[in-house]
Every structure is written in C-alpha cells, then in structure tokens.
Amino acid sequence: MKAFDYLRRAYYKLSYYYQKFQLIVMSFVVVGIVDYFFIYEIFVSLSALFPVFILEIAPVIIIILSIFIIRGIVKFIKKMKENKHLLFLF
C-alpha cells in the first residue's frame, strides 16, 4: 500500500517539477528575446553615429558578455559559500 502512495506522490512531484522547469526555461527564452530586440532597437537608433556592422553585432556581444558576468558572479558566490565568507547573502 505504501508503494502505491509513493508512486502517486512521485507522479505529482514529477509533474510539478516538470512544470516548474518549463516555466523557468520559457521565462529565460521570452526575456532573452525581448532583451535582444530592446537592445537591438537602441543600437539601431544610434546608427547615425556608428558603422552598421557594429550595430548589428552589438546586441549579441552584450548578451555574451552578460552571460560571462553572471557565470562569474555565480562562481564567486559559490566560492564565498565554501569559504564561509557570506555575511548577508543566503
């Protein structure tokens, strides 16, 4: 009887985590697309000041740099947790 209860709970837990994962992935995709077009429009409005090719590649460069910055921050926080240097975070 406990096995059936466990299987029933496991089904709901798996569906919950699947929906949560789906929400997170879709949030990143939607925010990424909106962010890309927002940055692209800003650089297009500056097109009179810069060469065209720089403006077309600038949103991609900014997104790549932001990914590197976020990864660095995550590694830095993990290292602080390991060394127990966190005072106010988490």
N, C-alpha and C. Protein backbone atom coordinates (compact mmCIF):
# COMPACT_ATOMS: atom_id res chain seq x y z
N MET A 1 0.82 -1.19 0.00
CA MET A 1 0.00 0.00 0.00
C MET A 1 0.87 1.26 0.00
N LYS A 2 1.99 1.21 0.72
CA LYS A 2 2.87 2.37 0.75
C LYS A 2 3.49 2.63 -0.62
N ALA A 3 3.73 1.55 -1.34
CA ALA A 3 4.32 1.70 -2.68
C ALA A 3 3.37 2.47 -3.60
N PHE A 4 2.08 2.17 -3.52
CA PHE A 4 1.11 2.88 -4.36
C PHE A 4 1.04 4.36 -3.97
N ASP A 5 1.07 4.63 -2.67
CA ASP A 5 1.07 6.03 -2.22
C ASP A 5 2.32 6.75 -2.71
N TYR A 6 3.44 6.08 -2.61
CA TYR A 6 4.69 6.68 -3.08
C TYR A 6 4.64 6.96 -4.58
N LEU A 7 4.13 6.01 -5.37
CA LEU A 7 4.04 6.21 -6.81
C LEU A 7 3.08 7.35 -7.16
N ARG A 8 2.00 7.44 -6.44
CA ARG A 8 1.05 8.52 -6.68
C ARG A 8 1.68 9.88 -6.38
N ARG A 9 2.39 9.97 -5.24
CA ARG A 9 3.06 11.22 -4.89
C ARG A 9 4.18 11.52 -5.87
N ALA A 10 4.91 10.49 -6.29
CA ALA A 10 6.01 10.70 -7.23
C ALA A 10 5.50 11.26 -8.55
N TYR A 11 4.35 10.78 -9.01
CA TYR A 11 3.77 11.29 -10.26
C TYR A 11 3.48 12.78 -10.14
N TYR A 12 2.87 13.21 -9.03
CA TYR A 12 2.55 14.62 -8.85
C TYR A 12 3.80 15.46 -8.65
N LYS A 13 4.78 14.91 -7.95
CA LYS A 13 6.03 15.65 -7.77
C LYS A 13 6.74 15.84 -9.10
N LEU A 14 6.80 14.79 -9.90
CA LEU A 14 7.45 14.90 -11.21
C LEU A 14 6.74 15.90 -12.10
N SER A 15 5.43 15.88 -12.10
CA SER A 15 4.70 16.85 -12.93
C SER A 15 4.90 18.27 -12.41
N TYR A 16 4.99 18.44 -11.09
CA TYR A 16 5.24 19.75 -10.51
C TYR A 16 6.61 20.27 -10.93
N TYR A 17 7.66 19.43 -10.81
CA TYR A 17 8.99 19.87 -11.17
C TYR A 17 9.12 20.09 -12.67
N TYR A 18 8.42 19.29 -13.47
CA TYR A 18 8.43 19.49 -14.92
C TYR A 18 7.82 20.84 -15.28
N GLN A 19 6.70 21.19 -14.66
CA GLN A 19 6.07 22.48 -14.94
C GLN A 19 6.93 23.64 -14.45
N LYS A 20 7.59 23.44 -13.32
CA LYS A 20 8.47 24.49 -12.80
C LYS A 20 9.66 24.70 -13.74
N PHE A 21 10.24 23.60 -14.21
CA PHE A 21 11.35 23.68 -15.16
C PHE A 21 10.90 24.35 -16.46
N GLN A 22 9.72 23.99 -16.93
CA GLN A 22 9.18 24.58 -18.15
C GLN A 22 8.98 26.08 -17.98
N LEU A 23 8.49 26.52 -16.84
CA LEU A 23 8.29 27.93 -16.58
C LEU A 23 9.62 28.68 -16.58
N ILE A 24 10.64 28.09 -15.95
CA ILE A 24 11.94 28.74 -15.89
C ILE A 24 12.54 28.87 -17.29
N VAL A 25 12.50 27.79 -18.05
CA VAL A 25 13.07 27.82 -19.40
C VAL A 25 12.33 28.83 -20.28
N MET A 26 11.01 28.81 -20.23
CA MET A 26 10.26 29.75 -21.06
C MET A 26 10.48 31.19 -20.61
N SER A 27 10.66 31.41 -19.31
CA SER A 27 10.94 32.76 -18.83
C SER A 27 12.26 33.27 -19.40
N PHE A 28 13.30 32.42 -19.37
CA PHE A 28 14.58 32.83 -19.93
C PHE A 28 14.49 33.09 -21.43
N VAL A 29 13.74 32.25 -22.14
CA VAL A 29 13.62 32.43 -23.58
C VAL A 29 12.89 33.73 -23.90
N VAL A 30 11.78 33.97 -23.24
CA VAL A 30 10.99 35.18 -23.52
C VAL A 30 11.77 36.43 -23.12
N VAL A 31 12.38 36.41 -21.95
CA VAL A 31 13.15 37.57 -21.50
C VAL A 31 14.34 37.79 -22.43
N GLY A 32 14.98 36.72 -22.87
CA GLY A 32 16.11 36.84 -23.78
C GLY A 32 15.72 37.44 -25.12
N ILE A 33 14.59 37.02 -25.66
CA ILE A 33 14.14 37.55 -26.94
C ILE A 33 13.76 39.03 -26.80
N VAL A 34 13.02 39.36 -25.76
CA VAL A 34 12.62 40.75 -25.55
C VAL A 34 13.85 41.61 -25.31
N ASP A 35 14.78 41.12 -24.51
CA ASP A 35 16.01 41.86 -24.23
C ASP A 35 16.81 42.09 -25.50
N TYR A 36 16.91 41.06 -26.33
CA TYR A 36 17.67 41.18 -27.57
C TYR A 36 17.06 42.26 -28.47
N PHE A 37 15.74 42.25 -28.65
CA PHE A 37 15.12 43.24 -29.53
C PHE A 37 15.17 44.63 -28.93
N PHE A 38 15.09 44.74 -27.62
CA PHE A 38 15.19 46.04 -26.96
C PHE A 38 16.58 46.64 -27.19
N ILE A 39 17.61 45.84 -26.96
CA ILE A 39 18.98 46.31 -27.18
C ILE A 39 19.20 46.61 -28.66
N TYR A 40 18.67 45.77 -29.53
CA TYR A 40 18.82 45.99 -30.97
C TYR A 40 18.19 47.31 -31.39
N GLU A 41 17.02 47.63 -30.88
CA GLU A 41 16.37 48.89 -31.23
C GLU A 41 17.16 50.08 -30.72
N ILE A 42 17.74 49.97 -29.55
CA ILE A 42 18.57 51.07 -29.04
C ILE A 42 19.76 51.29 -29.96
N PHE A 43 20.42 50.22 -30.37
CA PHE A 43 21.58 50.38 -31.25
C PHE A 43 21.19 50.84 -32.65
N VAL A 44 20.03 50.46 -33.12
CA VAL A 44 19.57 50.95 -34.43
C VAL A 44 19.30 52.45 -34.36
N SER A 45 18.79 52.90 -33.23
CA SER A 45 18.56 54.34 -33.09
C SER A 45 19.87 55.12 -33.06
N LEU A 46 20.95 54.45 -32.69
CA LEU A 46 22.27 55.10 -32.70
C LEU A 46 23.02 54.88 -34.02
N SER A 47 22.34 54.39 -35.02
CA SER A 47 23.01 54.01 -36.26
C SER A 47 23.67 55.17 -36.99
N ALA A 48 23.23 56.38 -36.73
CA ALA A 48 23.86 57.53 -37.38
C ALA A 48 25.27 57.79 -36.84
N LEU A 49 25.55 57.27 -35.65
CA LEU A 49 26.84 57.55 -35.02
C LEU A 49 27.90 56.48 -35.27
N PHE A 50 27.47 55.24 -35.57
CA PHE A 50 28.40 54.12 -35.68
C PHE A 50 28.22 53.41 -37.01
N PRO A 51 29.25 52.67 -37.43
CA PRO A 51 29.09 51.85 -38.64
C PRO A 51 28.01 50.78 -38.45
N VAL A 52 27.39 50.36 -39.52
CA VAL A 52 26.23 49.47 -39.46
C VAL A 52 26.58 48.10 -38.89
N PHE A 53 27.71 47.54 -39.26
CA PHE A 53 28.05 46.19 -38.82
C PHE A 53 28.26 46.11 -37.31
N ILE A 54 28.78 47.15 -36.73
CA ILE A 54 28.97 47.17 -35.27
C ILE A 54 27.61 47.16 -34.58
N LEU A 55 26.65 47.88 -35.15
CA LEU A 55 25.32 47.94 -34.54
C LEU A 55 24.60 46.61 -34.62
N GLU A 56 24.80 45.86 -35.69
CA GLU A 56 24.11 44.58 -35.82
C GLU A 56 24.69 43.51 -34.89
N ILE A 57 25.97 43.58 -34.60
CA ILE A 57 26.60 42.57 -33.76
C ILE A 57 26.61 42.99 -32.28
N ALA A 58 26.35 44.24 -31.97
CA ALA A 58 26.43 44.74 -30.59
C ALA A 58 25.47 44.01 -29.63
N PRO A 59 24.21 43.74 -29.97
CA PRO A 59 23.35 43.02 -29.01
C PRO A 59 23.88 41.62 -28.69
N VAL A 60 24.44 40.96 -29.68
CA VAL A 60 24.99 39.62 -29.44
C VAL A 60 26.18 39.70 -28.51
N ILE A 61 27.04 40.67 -28.73
CA ILE A 61 28.22 40.84 -27.86
C ILE A 61 27.79 41.18 -26.43
N ILE A 62 26.81 42.03 -26.28
CA ILE A 62 26.34 42.40 -24.93
C ILE A 62 25.73 41.19 -24.22
N ILE A 63 24.96 40.39 -24.94
CA ILE A 63 24.36 39.20 -24.33
C ILE A 63 25.45 38.21 -23.92
N ILE A 64 26.45 37.99 -24.76
CA ILE A 64 27.55 37.08 -24.42
C ILE A 64 28.31 37.59 -23.20
N LEU A 65 28.60 38.88 -23.16
CA LEU A 65 29.29 39.45 -22.00
C LEU A 65 28.45 39.33 -20.73
N SER A 66 27.14 39.51 -20.84
CA SER A 66 26.30 39.38 -19.65
C SER A 66 26.27 37.94 -19.15
N ILE A 67 26.32 36.97 -20.06
CA ILE A 67 26.37 35.57 -19.64
C ILE A 67 27.67 35.30 -18.88
N PHE A 68 28.79 35.81 -19.38
CA PHE A 68 30.07 35.64 -18.67
C PHE A 68 30.05 36.31 -17.30
N ILE A 69 29.46 37.47 -17.22
CA ILE A 69 29.39 38.19 -15.94
C ILE A 69 28.53 37.41 -14.95
N ILE A 70 27.39 36.90 -15.39
CA ILE A 70 26.52 36.14 -14.50
C ILE A 70 27.21 34.87 -14.02
N ARG A 71 27.90 34.18 -14.93
CA ARG A 71 28.64 32.97 -14.52
C ARG A 71 29.72 33.30 -13.49
N GLY A 72 30.42 34.41 -13.70
CA GLY A 72 31.44 34.82 -12.74
C GLY A 72 30.86 35.13 -11.38
N ILE A 73 29.72 35.79 -11.36
CA ILE A 73 29.07 36.11 -10.08
C ILE A 73 28.65 34.84 -9.37
N VAL A 74 28.10 33.88 -10.11
CA VAL A 74 27.67 32.61 -9.50
C VAL A 74 28.87 31.87 -8.93
N LYS A 75 29.97 31.81 -9.67
CA LYS A 75 31.18 31.15 -9.16
C LYS A 75 31.72 31.86 -7.93
N PHE A 76 31.68 33.19 -7.95
CA PHE A 76 32.17 33.97 -6.82
C PHE A 76 31.33 33.70 -5.57
N ILE A 77 30.00 33.63 -5.73
CA ILE A 77 29.13 33.37 -4.59
C ILE A 77 29.35 31.95 -4.07
N LYS A 78 29.52 30.98 -4.98
CA LYS A 78 29.78 29.61 -4.54
C LYS A 78 31.09 29.53 -3.75
N LYS A 79 32.12 30.23 -4.23
CA LYS A 79 33.40 30.22 -3.53
C LYS A 79 33.26 30.88 -2.16
N MET A 80 32.47 31.93 -2.08
CA MET A 80 32.25 32.58 -0.79
C MET A 80 31.51 31.66 0.16
N LYS A 81 30.55 30.87 -0.37
CA LYS A 81 29.84 29.92 0.48
C LYS A 81 30.77 28.85 1.01
N GLU A 82 31.65 28.34 0.13
CA GLU A 82 32.59 27.30 0.56
C GLU A 82 33.53 27.80 1.63
N ASN A 83 33.98 29.03 1.50
CA ASN A 83 34.91 29.59 2.47
C ASN A 83 34.21 30.25 3.65
N LYS A 84 32.88 30.23 3.64
CA LYS A 84 32.06 30.80 4.70
C LYS A 84 32.36 32.29 4.92
N HIS A 85 32.42 33.01 3.80
CA HIS A 85 32.63 34.45 3.86
C HIS A 85 31.35 35.23 3.62
N LEU A 86 30.24 34.54 3.49
CA LEU A 86 28.98 35.22 3.28
C LEU A 86 28.44 35.74 4.61
N LEU A 87 28.18 36.99 4.66
CA LEU A 87 27.61 37.57 5.88
C LEU A 87 26.12 37.82 5.74
N PHE A 88 25.72 38.39 4.61
CA PHE A 88 24.33 38.78 4.45
C PHE A 88 23.61 38.02 3.37
N LEU A 89 24.34 37.37 2.46
CA LEU A 89 23.70 36.64 1.38
C LEU A 89 23.33 35.25 1.85
N PHE A 90 22.14 34.82 1.50
CA PHE A 90 21.65 33.47 1.77
C PHE A 90 21.72 33.15 3.23
